[in-house]
């Protein structure tokens, strides 16, 4: 087994939750349909939500 596979076998699996649109809608009062463009139109809200994920212990962020 190569080192990468060995390391991955010892770590917990990475789980991804698709709740970004829901959190965006709750945080901004805007439609979750707008979250796809929010990286450009509302980057402060996206940074804030990602910050909350990091504070909660997230190890991976996807935007």
N, C-alpha and C. Protein backbone atom coordinates (compact mmCIF):
# COMPACT_ATOMS: atom_id res chain seq x y z
N UNK A 1 0.85 -1.18 0.00
CA UNK A 1 0.00 0.00 0.00
C UNK A 1 0.90 1.24 0.00
N UNK A 2 0.64 2.17 -0.90
CA UNK A 2 1.47 3.37 -0.91
C UNK A 2 1.12 4.26 0.29
N UNK A 3 1.96 5.24 0.57
CA UNK A 3 1.82 6.09 1.75
C UNK A 3 0.48 6.82 1.74
N UNK A 4 0.07 7.31 0.60
CA UNK A 4 -1.18 8.06 0.52
C UNK A 4 -2.36 7.17 0.91
N UNK A 5 -2.44 5.98 0.36
CA UNK A 5 -3.54 5.08 0.69
C UNK A 5 -3.51 4.69 2.16
N UNK A 6 -2.32 4.49 2.71
CA UNK A 6 -2.19 4.14 4.11
C UNK A 6 -2.70 5.28 5.00
N UNK A 7 -2.32 6.51 4.66
CA UNK A 7 -2.76 7.67 5.43
C UNK A 7 -4.28 7.81 5.35
N UNK A 8 -4.85 7.67 4.16
CA UNK A 8 -6.29 7.79 3.99
C UNK A 8 -7.04 6.72 4.77
N UNK A 9 -6.47 5.54 4.85
CA UNK A 9 -7.12 4.46 5.58
C UNK A 9 -7.18 4.74 7.07
N UNK A 10 -6.26 5.56 7.58
CA UNK A 10 -6.21 5.87 9.01
C UNK A 10 -7.08 7.06 9.37
N UNK A 11 -7.49 7.86 8.41
CA UNK A 11 -8.27 9.05 8.67
C UNK A 11 -9.76 8.76 8.54
N UNK A 12 -10.55 9.60 9.18
CA UNK A 12 -11.99 9.50 9.01
C UNK A 12 -12.35 9.88 7.58
N UNK A 13 -13.44 9.36 7.08
CA UNK A 13 -13.83 9.72 5.71
C UNK A 13 -14.21 11.20 5.63
N UNK A 14 -14.03 11.79 4.49
CA UNK A 14 -14.42 13.17 4.26
C UNK A 14 -15.89 13.17 3.82
N UNK A 15 -16.69 13.94 4.50
CA UNK A 15 -18.10 14.05 4.17
C UNK A 15 -18.38 15.47 3.69
N UNK A 16 -19.17 15.59 2.66
CA UNK A 16 -19.53 16.89 2.11
C UNK A 16 -21.03 17.07 2.21
N UNK A 17 -21.43 18.21 2.72
CA UNK A 17 -22.83 18.52 2.90
C UNK A 17 -23.22 19.60 1.90
N UNK A 18 -24.26 19.40 1.18
CA UNK A 18 -24.68 20.36 0.17
C UNK A 18 -25.60 21.45 0.69
N UNK A 19 -25.41 21.91 1.91
CA UNK A 19 -26.33 22.87 2.52
C UNK A 19 -25.93 24.32 2.31
N UNK A 20 -25.01 24.61 1.42
CA UNK A 20 -24.56 25.99 1.22
C UNK A 20 -25.72 26.89 0.79
N UNK A 21 -26.54 26.44 -0.11
CA UNK A 21 -27.68 27.25 -0.56
C UNK A 21 -28.65 27.54 0.57
N UNK A 22 -28.91 26.55 1.40
CA UNK A 22 -29.81 26.73 2.53
C UNK A 22 -29.24 27.74 3.52
N UNK A 23 -27.96 27.61 3.85
CA UNK A 23 -27.34 28.56 4.77
C UNK A 23 -27.29 29.96 4.18
N UNK A 24 -27.03 30.05 2.89
CA UNK A 24 -27.00 31.36 2.22
C UNK A 24 -28.38 32.02 2.32
N UNK A 25 -29.43 31.26 2.03
CA UNK A 25 -30.79 31.81 2.09
C UNK A 25 -31.14 32.24 3.51
N UNK A 26 -30.78 31.44 4.51
CA UNK A 26 -31.06 31.79 5.89
C UNK A 26 -30.27 33.01 6.34
N UNK A 27 -29.04 33.12 5.91
CA UNK A 27 -28.15 34.20 6.35
C UNK A 27 -28.48 35.53 5.69
N UNK A 28 -28.93 35.49 4.44
CA UNK A 28 -29.11 36.72 3.68
C UNK A 28 -30.56 37.07 3.42
N UNK A 29 -31.46 36.11 3.59
CA UNK A 29 -32.86 36.34 3.26
C UNK A 29 -33.11 36.30 1.76
N UNK A 30 -32.10 35.90 1.00
CA UNK A 30 -32.23 35.82 -0.46
C UNK A 30 -32.49 34.37 -0.86
N UNK A 31 -32.94 34.17 -2.07
CA UNK A 31 -33.23 32.84 -2.58
C UNK A 31 -31.96 31.99 -2.63
N UNK A 32 -32.10 30.73 -2.28
CA UNK A 32 -30.96 29.81 -2.38
C UNK A 32 -30.54 29.61 -3.83
N UNK A 33 -31.41 29.95 -4.78
CA UNK A 33 -31.06 29.86 -6.20
C UNK A 33 -29.95 30.82 -6.58
N UNK A 34 -29.73 31.85 -5.75
CA UNK A 34 -28.72 32.86 -6.05
C UNK A 34 -27.34 32.50 -5.54
N UNK A 35 -27.22 31.39 -4.82
CA UNK A 35 -25.94 31.05 -4.20
C UNK A 35 -24.85 30.78 -5.23
N UNK A 36 -25.20 30.29 -6.40
CA UNK A 36 -24.19 29.99 -7.42
C UNK A 36 -23.43 31.24 -7.84
N UNK A 37 -24.11 32.37 -7.90
CA UNK A 37 -23.47 33.62 -8.31
C UNK A 37 -22.93 34.41 -7.13
N UNK A 38 -23.23 34.00 -5.92
CA UNK A 38 -22.89 34.78 -4.73
C UNK A 38 -21.39 34.93 -4.51
N UNK A 39 -20.58 34.03 -5.06
CA UNK A 39 -19.12 34.21 -4.93
C UNK A 39 -18.68 35.53 -5.54
N UNK A 40 -19.41 35.99 -6.56
CA UNK A 40 -19.09 37.24 -7.24
C UNK A 40 -19.94 38.39 -6.70
N UNK A 41 -21.24 38.12 -6.50
CA UNK A 41 -22.16 39.20 -6.13
C UNK A 41 -22.21 39.49 -4.64
N UNK A 42 -21.87 38.51 -3.81
CA UNK A 42 -21.95 38.69 -2.36
C UNK A 42 -20.85 37.89 -1.66
N UNK A 43 -19.58 38.16 -1.98
CA UNK A 43 -18.49 37.35 -1.42
C UNK A 43 -18.39 37.43 0.10
N UNK A 44 -18.83 38.54 0.69
CA UNK A 44 -18.77 38.66 2.15
C UNK A 44 -19.65 37.60 2.82
N UNK A 45 -20.83 37.37 2.26
CA UNK A 45 -21.73 36.36 2.83
C UNK A 45 -21.12 34.97 2.70
N UNK A 46 -20.49 34.70 1.57
CA UNK A 46 -19.87 33.39 1.36
C UNK A 46 -18.72 33.19 2.35
N UNK A 47 -17.88 34.22 2.52
CA UNK A 47 -16.79 34.12 3.50
C UNK A 47 -17.32 33.89 4.90
N UNK A 48 -18.39 34.57 5.25
CA UNK A 48 -18.98 34.42 6.57
C UNK A 48 -19.48 32.99 6.80
N UNK A 49 -20.18 32.46 5.82
CA UNK A 49 -20.70 31.09 5.94
C UNK A 49 -19.55 30.10 6.04
N UNK A 50 -18.53 30.26 5.20
CA UNK A 50 -17.38 29.35 5.27
C UNK A 50 -16.67 29.48 6.61
N UNK A 51 -16.60 30.68 7.14
CA UNK A 51 -16.01 30.87 8.46
C UNK A 51 -16.76 30.11 9.53
N UNK A 52 -18.09 30.11 9.43
CA UNK A 52 -18.91 29.35 10.38
C UNK A 52 -18.66 27.86 10.26
N UNK A 53 -18.50 27.39 9.02
CA UNK A 53 -18.18 25.96 8.82
C UNK A 53 -16.83 25.63 9.47
N UNK A 54 -15.82 26.49 9.28
CA UNK A 54 -14.50 26.27 9.87
C UNK A 54 -14.57 26.27 11.40
N UNK A 55 -15.32 27.20 11.96
CA UNK A 55 -15.48 27.25 13.41
C UNK A 55 -16.14 25.99 13.95
N UNK A 56 -17.00 25.39 13.13
CA UNK A 56 -17.68 24.17 13.54
C UNK A 56 -16.81 22.93 13.36
N UNK A 57 -15.61 23.10 12.77
CA UNK A 57 -14.69 21.98 12.64
C UNK A 57 -14.52 21.41 11.25
N UNK A 58 -15.09 22.06 10.24
CA UNK A 58 -14.94 21.56 8.87
C UNK A 58 -13.48 21.56 8.48
N UNK A 59 -13.07 20.55 7.73
CA UNK A 59 -11.70 20.44 7.25
C UNK A 59 -11.61 20.68 5.75
N UNK A 60 -12.73 20.74 5.07
CA UNK A 60 -12.77 20.96 3.64
C UNK A 60 -13.86 21.98 3.33
N UNK A 61 -13.57 22.88 2.42
CA UNK A 61 -14.57 23.84 1.94
C UNK A 61 -14.60 23.76 0.42
N UNK A 62 -15.79 23.85 -0.13
CA UNK A 62 -15.95 23.81 -1.57
C UNK A 62 -16.83 24.97 -1.97
N UNK A 63 -16.38 25.75 -2.92
CA UNK A 63 -17.17 26.89 -3.37
C UNK A 63 -17.12 27.02 -4.87
